[in-house]
Protein backbone atom coordinates (compact mmCIF):
# COMPACT_ATOMS: atom_id res chain seq x y z
CA MET A 1 -223.34 147.87 -118.43
CA LYS A 2 -223.42 144.42 -119.99
CA PRO A 3 -225.36 141.75 -118.04
CA PHE A 4 -223.48 138.81 -116.54
CA PRO A 5 -223.43 135.63 -118.66
CA LYS A 6 -225.98 133.01 -117.68
CA PRO A 7 -224.71 129.95 -115.84
CA ILE A 8 -224.75 126.61 -117.64
CA LYS A 9 -224.07 123.06 -116.40
CA VAL A 10 -221.48 120.89 -118.17
CA GLN A 11 -220.88 117.26 -117.27
CA ILE A 12 -217.30 116.01 -116.76
CA VAL A 13 -216.48 112.28 -116.88
CA TYR A 14 -213.05 111.15 -115.64
CA ASP A 15 -211.34 107.85 -116.47
CA GLY A 16 -209.94 105.51 -113.79
CA GLU A 17 -206.54 107.21 -113.55
CA LEU A 18 -208.00 110.69 -113.18
CA ARG A 19 -210.57 109.44 -110.66
CA LYS A 20 -207.64 108.75 -108.35
CA ILE A 21 -207.01 112.52 -108.39
CA THR A 22 -210.56 113.88 -108.53
CA GLY A 23 -212.17 111.32 -106.25
CA VAL A 24 -215.19 111.18 -108.57
CA GLU A 25 -216.10 109.49 -111.84
CA LEU A 26 -218.58 112.17 -112.85
CA GLU A 27 -219.30 115.73 -111.83
CA GLU A 28 -221.27 118.69 -113.06
CA ALA A 29 -219.55 122.04 -113.44
CA LEU A 30 -221.38 125.34 -113.34
CA VAL A 31 -219.71 127.73 -115.79
CA SER A 32 -220.58 130.88 -117.69
CA GLU A 33 -222.49 130.72 -120.96
CA GLY A 34 -220.11 131.35 -123.86
CA ILE A 35 -217.06 129.68 -122.29
CA ASN A 36 -214.78 128.05 -124.85
CA PHE A 37 -213.19 124.64 -124.47
CA VAL A 38 -209.67 125.85 -123.67
CA MET A 39 -210.97 128.05 -120.83
CA PHE A 40 -213.06 125.14 -119.56
CA LEU A 41 -209.96 122.94 -119.55
CA LYS A 42 -208.13 125.63 -117.56
CA PHE A 43 -211.04 125.60 -115.10
CA ILE A 44 -210.59 121.83 -114.65
CA PHE A 45 -206.79 122.11 -114.26
CA ASP A 46 -207.20 124.96 -111.75
CA SER A 47 -209.64 122.77 -109.79
CA TYR A 48 -207.29 119.77 -109.90
CA PRO A 49 -203.71 121.12 -110.25
CA LYS A 50 -202.28 117.63 -109.82
CA ILE A 51 -203.61 116.62 -113.28
CA PRO A 52 -201.34 118.90 -115.37
CA LYS A 53 -198.44 118.22 -112.98
CA LEU A 54 -198.66 114.46 -113.49
CA TYR A 55 -199.81 114.41 -117.11
CA PRO A 56 -198.01 116.69 -119.58
CA PRO A 57 -199.62 118.03 -122.78
CA GLY A 58 -200.42 115.20 -125.16
CA SER A 59 -200.92 112.60 -122.45
CA ILE A 60 -204.63 113.36 -121.92
CA SER A 61 -207.43 112.60 -124.38
CA LEU A 62 -210.44 114.92 -124.46
CA LEU A 63 -213.89 114.49 -125.95
CA LEU A 64 -216.78 116.92 -126.11
CA ASN A 65 -220.09 115.20 -126.78
CA GLY A 66 -218.18 112.18 -128.12
CA LYS A 67 -215.89 114.08 -130.51
CA PRO A 68 -212.49 115.77 -130.19
CA PRO A 69 -213.12 119.46 -129.47
CA THR A 70 -211.50 122.46 -131.11
CA GLU A 71 -209.68 124.90 -128.81
CA PHE A 72 -212.25 127.64 -129.15
CA GLU A 73 -215.40 125.54 -129.42
CA ILE A 74 -218.14 127.11 -127.30
CA LEU A 75 -219.72 124.90 -124.66
CA ASN A 76 -223.46 124.71 -124.20
CA GLY A 77 -225.58 123.71 -121.25
CA GLY A 78 -225.88 119.92 -121.02
CA ASP A 79 -222.61 119.24 -122.88
CA LYS A 80 -220.62 116.18 -121.79
CA THR A 81 -216.82 116.21 -121.62
CA GLU A 82 -214.78 113.05 -121.20
CA ILE A 83 -211.21 113.22 -119.99
CA SER A 84 -208.86 110.23 -119.98
CA VAL A 85 -205.15 109.52 -119.70
CA SER A 86 -203.73 108.47 -123.08
CA TYR A 87 -200.68 106.80 -121.56
CA SER A 88 -199.11 106.28 -118.18
CA VAL A 89 -196.38 108.74 -117.20
CA ASN A 90 -195.18 106.80 -114.12
């Protein structure tokens, strides 16, 4: 039997618009080692389902350690993700 992946901490920074939904500017997520960016994004959207309801694909900008991530980029402990609204959908 394969051992469980180790937990890692990843920092999430939300812009002003998303703070209205999350209630926080910054939080740390505990996720499994080896998680890729698209799965991490799903984790965030599952935690805050209002985000994808209000902001369709293409309306949110994402950075991983200051650079645009690839879909399957693997996250590491201590990584910093920044999520912001690219334009208002109101």
